[in-house]
Amino acid sequence: MEELRDKMWEVAAVRWIAEATSLGREEVYKSLCDQVQAMLAGAENALGRVEKASTQVQQPASELTESVSYVYAIQVGRNGPIKIGTTKNSPESRMAALQTGHHEKLQLLGAVEGDQAIERGAHEALRAYRLHGEWFGPSDAVLAYVAALTRPNASDEQILKAIKAAR
């Protein structure tokens, strides 16, 4: 701030010294002081607005609302592998992000509010059908699990029943 103030004095002084030939010494000095004070007030006002805006942007984590995460199932085409994963964004935006790097059309089979524990449970329950990482073969068991998992208010019992029925 002090460096800015010094630079403003220097710029103003050069401008007003040029006018000094037509004004008296006291008039130049008063004009110089008035204009520099106006410039400083404007700069301090702008700095205050920037500081206020930055504190509004940098809210403490405790003030931020807790984000919702989702467990989703996305399938490649109609008969392709199924990805079961989690996202803190909407499942639709996660599918769009995956689609940009995939040559085949993806479809969202379903999603449910949930965290990585639910995702890990799904991966464990379907481990026999895992192709690689979070990708599973489109077996009847996987499709039944996804249908049960993404059904609103599905219980663990309903999900397990769907897996047993599909085997």
Protein backbone atom coordinates (compact mmCIF):
# COMPACT_ATOMS: atom_id res chain seq x y z
CA MET A 1 0.00 0.00 0.00
CA GLU A 2 2.86 2.36 0.84
CA GLU A 3 4.50 1.69 -2.52
CA LEU A 4 1.24 2.53 -4.28
CA ARG A 5 0.97 5.75 -2.29
CA ASP A 6 4.55 6.76 -3.25
CA LYS A 7 3.89 6.04 -6.93
CA MET A 8 0.69 8.07 -6.86
CA TRP A 9 2.57 11.01 -5.32
CA GLU A 10 5.21 10.78 -8.04
CA VAL A 11 2.67 10.68 -10.89
CA ALA A 12 0.64 13.51 -9.44
CA ALA A 13 3.72 15.62 -8.79
CA VAL A 14 4.86 15.38 -12.39
CA ARG A 15 1.42 16.39 -13.65
CA TRP A 16 1.06 19.35 -11.33
CA ILE A 17 4.58 20.64 -11.63
CA ALA A 18 3.80 21.16 -15.29
CA GLU A 19 1.00 23.45 -14.20
CA ALA A 20 3.28 25.29 -11.77
CA THR A 21 4.31 27.84 -14.28
CA SER A 22 0.83 29.32 -14.35
CA LEU A 23 0.01 28.83 -10.64
CA GLY A 24 1.66 30.05 -7.48
CA ARG A 25 3.65 27.71 -5.25
CA GLU A 26 0.98 27.47 -2.54
CA GLU A 27 -1.77 26.81 -5.07
CA VAL A 28 0.24 23.99 -6.67
CA TYR A 29 0.97 22.46 -3.28
CA LYS A 30 -2.70 22.62 -2.17
CA SER A 31 -3.91 21.24 -5.49
CA LEU A 32 -1.32 18.48 -5.32
CA CYS A 33 -2.34 17.50 -1.78
CA ASP A 34 -6.07 17.55 -2.59
CA GLN A 35 -5.69 15.40 -5.69
CA VAL A 36 -3.35 12.89 -4.08
CA GLN A 37 -5.69 12.54 -1.10
CA ALA A 38 -8.58 11.91 -3.49
CA MET A 39 -6.52 9.29 -5.32
CA LEU A 40 -5.54 7.61 -2.04
CA ALA A 41 -9.14 7.58 -0.82
CA GLY A 42 -10.21 5.97 -4.09
CA ALA A 43 -7.44 3.36 -3.86
CA GLU A 44 -8.22 2.57 -0.23
CA ASN A 45 -11.91 2.28 -1.06
CA ALA A 46 -11.12 -0.13 -3.91
CA LEU A 47 -8.78 -2.12 -1.68
CA GLY A 48 -11.51 -2.35 0.97
CA ARG A 49 -13.97 -3.71 -1.61
CA VAL A 50 -11.42 -6.30 -2.77
CA GLU A 51 -10.69 -7.39 0.81
CA LYS A 52 -14.41 -7.66 1.57
CA ALA A 53 -15.02 -9.71 -1.57
CA SER A 54 -12.10 -12.04 -0.80
CA THR A 55 -13.39 -12.76 2.71
CA GLN A 56 -16.81 -13.58 1.28
CA VAL A 57 -15.24 -16.03 -1.19
CA GLN A 58 -12.97 -17.68 1.39
CA GLN A 59 -15.57 -18.91 3.85
CA PRO A 60 -14.36 -21.29 6.52
CA ALA A 61 -15.13 -24.94 5.83
CA SER A 62 -17.47 -25.00 8.82
CA GLU A 63 -19.74 -22.45 7.11
CA LEU A 64 -19.98 -24.39 3.86
CA THR A 65 -22.91 -26.74 3.46
CA GLU A 66 -22.00 -30.39 3.45
CA SER A 67 -22.07 -31.71 -0.09
CA VAL A 68 -24.13 -34.69 -1.11
CA SER A 69 -22.43 -37.59 -2.83
CA TYR A 70 -24.00 -40.22 -5.04
CA VAL A 71 -23.37 -43.84 -5.92
CA TYR A 72 -24.14 -44.22 -9.62
CA ALA A 73 -24.26 -46.94 -12.25
CA ILE A 74 -23.38 -46.02 -15.82
CA GLN A 75 -23.49 -48.52 -18.67
CA VAL A 76 -21.69 -48.48 -22.00
CA GLY A 77 -24.37 -48.79 -24.68
CA ARG A 78 -27.23 -51.23 -24.12
CA ASN A 79 -25.19 -54.35 -23.34
CA GLY A 80 -21.77 -53.05 -22.34
CA PRO A 81 -19.90 -52.99 -19.06
CA ILE A 82 -21.31 -51.10 -16.08
CA LYS A 83 -19.34 -48.64 -13.98
CA ILE A 84 -20.35 -48.35 -10.32
CA GLY A 85 -18.76 -45.33 -8.70
CA THR A 86 -19.27 -42.29 -6.49
CA THR A 87 -19.39 -38.60 -7.30
CA LYS A 88 -19.86 -35.37 -5.39
CA ASN A 89 -21.33 -33.82 -8.54
CA SER A 90 -24.62 -34.82 -10.05
CA PRO A 91 -24.62 -38.29 -11.63
CA GLU A 92 -25.57 -36.66 -14.94
CA SER A 93 -22.50 -34.41 -14.88
CA ARG A 94 -20.30 -37.41 -13.98
CA MET A 95 -21.72 -39.30 -16.96
CA ALA A 96 -21.08 -36.30 -19.20
CA ALA A 97 -17.46 -36.17 -17.98
CA LEU A 98 -17.00 -39.88 -18.69
CA GLN A 99 -18.70 -39.52 -22.07
CA THR A 100 -16.11 -37.04 -23.32
CA GLY A 101 -13.48 -39.78 -23.16
CA HIS A 102 -15.62 -42.63 -24.42
CA HIS A 103 -16.40 -43.53 -28.03
CA GLU A 104 -19.68 -45.31 -27.25
CA LYS A 105 -22.86 -43.77 -25.87
CA LEU A 106 -23.15 -44.05 -22.09
CA GLN A 107 -26.41 -44.34 -20.19
CA LEU A 108 -27.14 -43.65 -16.56
CA LEU A 109 -28.82 -46.75 -15.14
CA GLY A 110 -29.46 -45.15 -11.78
CA ALA A 111 -28.06 -43.31 -8.80
CA VAL A 112 -28.71 -43.02 -5.10
CA GLU A 113 -27.42 -40.68 -2.42
CA GLY A 114 -24.52 -42.50 -0.83
CA ASP A 115 -20.85 -42.49 -0.03
CA GLN A 116 -17.78 -44.60 -0.72
CA ALA A 117 -18.83 -47.15 1.90
CA ILE A 118 -21.92 -47.99 -0.17
CA GLU A 119 -19.80 -48.08 -3.32
CA ARG A 120 -17.30 -50.45 -1.65
CA GLY A 121 -20.20 -52.64 -0.54
CA ALA A 122 -21.45 -52.83 -4.11
CA HIS A 123 -17.97 -53.65 -5.40
CA GLU A 124 -17.58 -56.39 -2.78
CA ALA A 125 -21.02 -57.87 -3.44
CA LEU A 126 -20.35 -57.94 -7.19
CA ARG A 127 -16.65 -58.91 -7.08
CA ALA A 128 -17.32 -62.08 -9.13
CA TYR A 129 -18.50 -59.86 -12.00
CA ARG A 130 -15.69 -57.29 -11.87
CA LEU A 131 -13.95 -56.68 -15.19
CA HIS A 132 -11.48 -54.04 -14.03
CA GLY A 133 -11.51 -51.35 -11.35
CA GLU A 134 -15.06 -50.03 -11.05
CA TRP A 135 -16.29 -51.78 -14.22
CA PHE A 136 -18.52 -54.86 -14.04
CA GLY A 137 -19.91 -57.24 -16.64
CA PRO A 138 -23.59 -56.64 -17.50
CA SER A 139 -24.82 -59.88 -15.92
CA ASP A 140 -28.34 -60.32 -14.58
CA ALA A 141 -26.91 -60.18 -11.03
CA VAL A 142 -25.22 -56.83 -11.65
CA LEU A 143 -28.33 -55.38 -13.32
CA ALA A 144 -30.55 -56.64 -10.48
CA TYR A 145 -28.19 -55.18 -7.88
CA VAL A 146 -28.13 -51.82 -9.64
CA ALA A 147 -31.93 -51.82 -9.95
CA ALA A 148 -32.34 -52.63 -6.25
CA LEU A 149 -29.63 -50.19 -5.12
CA THR A 150 -31.00 -47.28 -7.08
CA ARG A 151 -34.64 -47.93 -6.15
CA PRO A 152 -35.80 -45.17 -3.80
CA ASN A 153 -35.60 -46.28 -0.16
CA ALA A 154 -34.21 -49.71 -1.06
CA SER A 155 -33.20 -51.69 2.01
CA ASP A 156 -30.11 -53.88 2.32
CA GLU A 157 -32.44 -56.87 2.46
CA GLN A 158 -34.04 -55.95 -0.89
CA ILE A 159 -30.62 -55.51 -2.48
CA LEU A 160 -29.37 -58.90 -1.19
CA LYS A 161 -32.60 -60.56 -2.34
CA ALA A 162 -32.11 -59.09 -5.84
CA ILE A 163 -28.57 -60.48 -6.02
CA LYS A 164 -29.65 -63.96 -4.86
CA ALA A 165 -32.55 -64.01 -7.30
CA ALA A 166 -30.28 -63.10 -10.21
CA ARG A 167 -27.76 -65.91 -9.48
